[in-house]
Amino acid sequence: MAYTFIKTDSTSSDYQNLVTLLDAELKIRDGDEHSFFAQYNKSDMIKHVVVCYEKVRL
């Protein structure tokens, strides 16, 4: 496997997609307390983000 790392910020659509997937998983794990924890999980103004892309060789 090969990896590519991209420096970006929280406006990256790939980063936002990852956050959406994470939020869905946390909603399951947090259960009834999800609303409480979600208030602290804001990521819309992050200036420095690294997104890792995995290239699978066939």
PDB file of N, CA and C in Angstrom:
ATOM      1  N   MET A   1       0.827  -1.183   0.000  1.00  0.00           N
ATOM      2  CA  MET A   1       0.000   0.000   0.000  1.00  0.00           C
ATOM      3  C   MET A   1       0.873   1.249   0.000  1.00  0.00           C
ATOM      4  N   ALA A   2       0.388   2.238  -0.691  1.00  0.00           N
ATOM      5  CA  ALA A   2       1.085   3.521  -0.737  1.00  0.00           C
ATOM      6  C   ALA A   2       0.181   4.585  -0.131  1.00  0.00           C
ATOM      7  N   TYR A   3       0.800   5.554   0.512  1.00  0.00           N
ATOM      8  CA  TYR A   3       0.047   6.617   1.171  1.00  0.00           C
ATOM      9  C   TYR A   3       0.480   7.977   0.638  1.00  0.00           C
ATOM     10  N   THR A   4      -0.481   8.865   0.536  1.00  0.00           N
ATOM     11  CA  THR A   4      -0.229  10.247   0.186  1.00  0.00           C
ATOM     12  C   THR A   4      -0.832  11.116   1.282  1.00  0.00           C
ATOM     13  N   PHE A   5      -0.069  12.072   1.764  1.00  0.00           N
ATOM     14  CA  PHE A   5      -0.530  12.978   2.803  1.00  0.00           C
ATOM     15  C   PHE A   5      -0.694  14.371   2.215  1.00  0.00           C
ATOM     16  N   ILE A   6      -1.836  14.980   2.477  1.00  0.00           N
ATOM     17  CA  ILE A   6      -2.128  16.306   1.961  1.00  0.00           C
ATOM     18  C   ILE A   6      -2.375  17.252   3.137  1.00  0.00           C
ATOM     19  N   LYS A   7      -1.641  18.386   3.158  1.00  0.00           N
ATOM     20  CA  LYS A   7      -1.910  19.430   4.150  1.00  0.00           C
ATOM     21  C   LYS A   7      -3.039  20.297   3.626  1.00  0.00           C
ATOM     22  N   THR A   8      -4.029  20.540   4.465  1.00  0.00           N
ATOM     23  CA  THR A   8      -5.178  21.336   4.056  1.00  0.00           C
ATOM     24  C   THR A   8      -5.769  22.012   5.289  1.00  0.00           C
ATOM     25  N   ASP A   9      -7.021  22.405   5.192  1.00  0.00           N
ATOM     26  CA  ASP A   9      -7.724  22.953   6.349  1.00  0.00           C
ATOM     27  C   ASP A   9      -9.119  22.325   6.401  1.00  0.00           C
ATOM     28  N   SER A  10      -9.940  22.796   7.312  1.00  0.00           N
ATOM     29  CA  SER A  10     -11.233  22.147   7.517  1.00  0.00           C
ATOM     30  C   SER A  10     -12.251  22.424   6.406  1.00  0.00           C
ATOM     31  N   THR A  11     -11.866  23.213   5.397  1.00  0.00           N
ATOM     32  CA  THR A  11     -12.773  23.422   4.262  1.00  0.00           C
ATOM     33  C   THR A  11     -12.649  22.318   3.218  1.00  0.00           C
ATOM     34  N   SER A  12     -11.675  21.438   3.374  1.00  0.00           N
ATOM     35  CA  SER A  12     -11.475  20.330   2.429  1.00  0.00           C
ATOM     36  C   SER A  12     -12.694  19.417   2.423  1.00  0.00           C
ATOM     37  N   SER A  13     -13.216  19.120   1.250  1.00  0.00           N
ATOM     38  CA  SER A  13     -14.385  18.240   1.154  1.00  0.00           C
ATOM     39  C   SER A  13     -14.053  16.823   1.637  1.00  0.00           C
ATOM     40  N   ASP A  14     -12.841  16.354   1.386  1.00  0.00           N
ATOM     41  CA  ASP A  14     -12.450  15.026   1.866  1.00  0.00           C
ATOM     42  C   ASP A  14     -12.403  14.999   3.397  1.00  0.00           C
ATOM     43  N   TYR A  15     -11.865  16.041   3.992  1.00  0.00           N
ATOM     44  CA  TYR A  15     -11.848  16.148   5.455  1.00  0.00           C
ATOM     45  C   TYR A  15     -13.275  16.187   6.000  1.00  0.00           C
ATOM     46  N   GLN A  16     -14.127  16.974   5.402  1.00  0.00           N
ATOM     47  CA  GLN A  16     -15.514  17.086   5.858  1.00  0.00           C
ATOM     48  C   GLN A  16     -16.244  15.753   5.745  1.00  0.00           C
ATOM     49  N   ASN A  17     -15.959  14.990   4.697  1.00  0.00           N
ATOM     50  CA  ASN A  17     -16.562  13.655   4.555  1.00  0.00           C
ATOM     51  C   ASN A  17     -16.097  12.726   5.668  1.00  0.00           C
ATOM     52  N   LEU A  18     -14.818  12.792   6.015  1.00  0.00           N
ATOM     53  CA  LEU A  18     -14.304  11.974   7.120  1.00  0.00           C
ATOM     54  C   LEU A  18     -14.962  12.353   8.444  1.00  0.00           C
ATOM     55  N   VAL A  19     -15.155  13.638   8.675  1.00  0.00           N
ATOM     56  CA  VAL A  19     -15.803  14.095   9.903  1.00  0.00           C
ATOM     57  C   VAL A  19     -17.254  13.611   9.952  1.00  0.00           C
ATOM     58  N   THR A  20     -17.936  13.631   8.818  1.00  0.00           N
ATOM     59  CA  THR A  20     -19.317  13.132   8.759  1.00  0.00           C
ATOM     60  C   THR A  20     -19.373  11.659   9.137  1.00  0.00           C
ATOM     61  N   LEU A  21     -18.439  10.869   8.605  1.00  0.00           N
ATOM     62  CA  LEU A  21     -18.384   9.442   8.949  1.00  0.00           C
ATOM     63  C   LEU A  21     -18.070   9.244  10.436  1.00  0.00           C
ATOM     64  N   LEU A  22     -17.150  10.030  10.954  1.00  0.00           N
ATOM     65  CA  LEU A  22     -16.813   9.947  12.375  1.00  0.00           C
ATOM     66  C   LEU A  22     -18.012  10.311  13.241  1.00  0.00           C
ATOM     67  N   ASP A  23     -18.718  11.373  12.889  1.00  0.00           N
ATOM     68  CA  ASP A  23     -19.891  11.777  13.660  1.00  0.00           C
ATOM     69  C   ASP A  23     -20.961  10.687  13.682  1.00  0.00           C
ATOM     70  N   ALA A  24     -21.142  10.008  12.553  1.00  0.00           N
ATOM     71  CA  ALA A  24     -22.120   8.910  12.497  1.00  0.00           C
ATOM     72  C   ALA A  24     -21.712   7.774  13.436  1.00  0.00           C
ATOM     73  N   GLU A  25     -20.434   7.452  13.460  1.00  0.00           N
ATOM     74  CA  GLU A  25     -19.934   6.402  14.357  1.00  0.00           C
ATOM     75  C   GLU A  25     -20.068   6.819  15.821  1.00  0.00           C
ATOM     76  N   LEU A  26     -19.725   8.069  16.117  1.00  0.00           N
ATOM     77  CA  LEU A  26     -19.828   8.549  17.497  1.00  0.00           C
ATOM     78  C   LEU A  26     -21.272   8.589  17.980  1.00  0.00           C
ATOM     79  N   LYS A  27     -22.200   8.871  17.075  1.00  0.00           N
ATOM     80  CA  LYS A  27     -23.616   8.872  17.445  1.00  0.00           C
ATOM     81  C   LYS A  27     -24.042   7.491  17.931  1.00  0.00           C
ATOM     82  N   ILE A  28     -23.544   6.457  17.293  1.00  0.00           N
ATOM     83  CA  ILE A  28     -23.837   5.081  17.708  1.00  0.00           C
ATOM     84  C   ILE A  28     -23.184   4.786  19.053  1.00  0.00           C
ATOM     85  N   ARG A  29     -21.920   5.121  19.179  1.00  0.00           N
ATOM     86  CA  ARG A  29     -21.180   4.832  20.417  1.00  0.00           C
ATOM     87  C   ARG A  29     -21.685   5.635  21.607  1.00  0.00           C
ATOM     88  N   ASP A  30     -22.021   6.913  21.373  1.00  0.00           N
ATOM     89  CA  ASP A  30     -22.452   7.784  22.462  1.00  0.00           C
ATOM     90  C   ASP A  30     -23.866   7.487  22.931  1.00  0.00           C
ATOM     91  N   GLY A  31     -24.677   6.947  22.047  1.00  0.00           N
ATOM     92  CA  GLY A  31     -26.069   6.647  22.411  1.00  0.00           C
ATOM     93  C   GLY A  31     -26.825   7.898  22.816  1.00  0.00           C
ATOM     94  N   ASP A  32     -27.531   7.804  23.935  1.00  0.00           N
ATOM     95  CA  ASP A  32     -28.372   8.905  24.403  1.00  0.00           C
ATOM     96  C   ASP A  32     -27.577  10.151  24.782  1.00  0.00           C
ATOM     97  N   GLU A  33     -26.290  10.021  24.994  1.00  0.00           N
ATOM     98  CA  GLU A  33     -25.464  11.164  25.397  1.00  0.00           C
ATOM     99  C   GLU A  33     -24.812  11.874  24.212  1.00  0.00           C
ATOM    100  N   HIS A  34     -25.170  11.485  23.001  1.00  0.00           N
ATOM    101  CA  HIS A  34     -24.527  12.053  21.813  1.00  0.00           C
ATOM    102  C   HIS A  34     -24.665  13.579  21.733  1.00  0.00           C
ATOM    103  N   SER A  35     -25.823  14.102  22.017  1.00  0.00           N
ATOM    104  CA  SER A  35     -26.024  15.562  21.938  1.00  0.00           C
ATOM    105  C   SER A  35     -25.098  16.303  22.891  1.00  0.00           C
ATOM    106  N   PHE A  36     -24.887  15.733  24.071  1.00  0.00           N
ATOM    107  CA  PHE A  36     -23.991  16.359  25.029  1.00  0.00           C
ATOM    108  C   PHE A  36     -22.573  16.424  24.485  1.00  0.00           C
ATOM    109  N   PHE A  37     -22.064  15.303  23.992  1.00  0.00           N
ATOM    110  CA  PHE A  37     -20.687  15.265  23.494  1.00  0.00           C
ATOM    111  C   PHE A  37     -20.528  16.038  22.186  1.00  0.00           C
ATOM    112  N   ALA A  38     -21.534  16.013  21.331  1.00  0.00           N
ATOM    113  CA  ALA A  38     -21.449  16.654  20.018  1.00  0.00           C
ATOM    114  C   ALA A  38     -21.195  18.155  20.116  1.00  0.00           C
ATOM    115  N   GLN A  39     -21.643  18.777  21.186  1.00  0.00           N
ATOM    116  CA  GLN A  39     -21.443  20.218  21.333  1.00  0.00           C
ATOM    117  C   GLN A  39     -19.960  20.586  21.424  1.00  0.00           C
ATOM    118  N   TYR A  40     -19.113  19.635  21.792  1.00  0.00           N
ATOM    119  CA  TYR A  40     -17.671  19.886  21.924  1.00  0.00           C
ATOM    120  C   TYR A  40     -16.877  19.451  20.694  1.00  0.00           C
ATOM    121  N   ASN A  41     -17.529  18.830  19.749  1.00  0.00           N
ATOM    122  CA  ASN A  41     -16.844  18.273  18.578  1.00  0.00           C
ATOM    123  C   ASN A  41     -17.015  19.156  17.350  1.00  0.00           C
ATOM    124  N   LYS A  42     -16.592  20.387  17.449  1.00  0.00           N
ATOM    125  CA  LYS A  42     -16.689  21.322  16.322  1.00  0.00           C
ATOM    126  C   LYS A  42     -15.344  21.380  15.601  1.00  0.00           C
ATOM    127  N   SER A  43     -15.396  21.332  14.287  1.00  0.00           N
ATOM    128  CA  SER A  43     -14.144  21.324  13.523  1.00  0.00           C
ATOM    129  C   SER A  43     -14.224  22.219  12.289  1.00  0.00           C
ATOM    130  N   ASP A  44     -15.068  23.217  12.313  1.00  0.00           N
ATOM    131  CA  ASP A  44     -15.270  24.025  11.110  1.00  0.00           C
ATOM    132  C   ASP A  44     -14.243  25.139  10.910  1.00  0.00           C
ATOM    133  N   MET A  45     -13.407  25.404  11.906  1.00  0.00           N
ATOM    134  CA  MET A  45     -12.440  26.495  11.785  1.00  0.00           C
ATOM    135  C   MET A  45     -11.002  26.015  12.027  1.00  0.00           C
ATOM    136  N   ILE A  46     -10.702  24.803  11.646  1.00  0.00           N
ATOM    137  CA  ILE A  46      -9.357  24.267  11.858  1.00  0.00           C
ATOM    138  C   ILE A  46      -8.467  24.697  10.700  1.00  0.00           C
ATOM    139  N   LYS A  47      -7.347  25.301  11.010  1.00  0.00           N
ATOM    140  CA  LYS A  47      -6.447  25.830   9.980  1.00  0.00           C
ATOM    141  C   LYS A  47      -5.463  24.797   9.448  1.00  0.00           C
ATOM    142  N   HIS A  48      -5.153  23.778  10.251  1.00  0.00           N
ATOM    143  CA  HIS A  48      -4.141  22.805   9.858  1.00  0.00           C
ATOM    144  C   HIS A  48      -4.690  21.388  10.000  1.00  0.00           C
ATOM    145  N   VAL A  49      -4.880  20.738   8.857  1.00  0.00           N
ATOM    146  CA  VAL A  49      -5.419  19.380   8.804  1.00  0.00           C
ATOM    147  C   VAL A  49      -4.532  18.575   7.865  1.00  0.00           C
ATOM    148  N   VAL A  50      -4.299  17.328   8.212  1.00  0.00           N
ATOM    149  CA  VAL A  50      -3.592  16.419   7.315  1.00  0.00           C
ATOM    150  C   VAL A  50      -4.552  15.280   6.975  1.00  0.00           C
ATOM    151  N   VAL A  51      -4.773  15.074   5.681  1.00  0.00           N
ATOM    152  CA  VAL A  51      -5.619  13.986   5.211  1.00  0.00           C
ATOM    153  C   VAL A  51      -4.708  12.959   4.543  1.00  0.00           C
ATOM    154  N   CYS A  52      -4.899  11.714   4.917  1.00  0.00           N
ATOM    155  CA  CYS A  52      -4.091  10.623   4.365  1.00  0.00           C
ATOM    156  C   CYS A  52      -4.929   9.836   3.360  1.00  0.00           C
ATOM    157  N   TYR A  53      -4.373   9.643   2.194  1.00  0.00           N
ATOM    158  CA  TYR A  53      -5.023   8.854   1.144  1.00  0.00           C
ATOM    159  C   TYR A  53      -4.243   7.548   0.993  1.00  0.00           C
ATOM    160  N   GLU A  54      -4.974   6.451   0.942  1.00  0.00           N
ATOM    161  CA  GLU A  54      -4.350   5.137   0.794  1.00  0.00           C
ATOM    162  C   GLU A  54      -4.615   4.637  -0.631  1.00  0.00           C
ATOM    163  N   LYS A  55      -3.562   4.252  -1.298  1.00  0.00           N
ATOM    164  CA  LYS A  55      -3.707   3.684  -2.629  1.00  0.00           C
ATOM    165  C   LYS A  55      -3.417   2.188  -2.513  1.00  0.00           C
ATOM    166  N   VAL A  56      -4.421   1.402  -2.810  1.00  0.00           N
ATOM    167  CA  VAL A  56      -4.288  -0.046  -2.726  1.00  0.00           C
ATOM    168  C   VAL A  56      -3.823  -0.560  -4.083  1.00  0.00           C
ATOM    169  N   ARG A  57      -2.736  -1.283  -4.048  1.00  0.00           N
ATOM    170  CA  ARG A  57      -2.191  -1.860  -5.281  1.00  0.00           C
ATOM    171  C   ARG A  57      -2.827  -3.221  -5.504  1.00  0.00           C
ATOM    172  N   LEU A  58      -3.291  -3.426  -6.691  1.00  0.00           N
ATOM    173  CA  LEU A  58      -3.925  -4.714  -7.036  1.00  0.00           C
ATOM    174  C   LEU A  58      -2.988  -5.595  -7.817  1.00  0.00           C
TER     175      LEU A  58
END
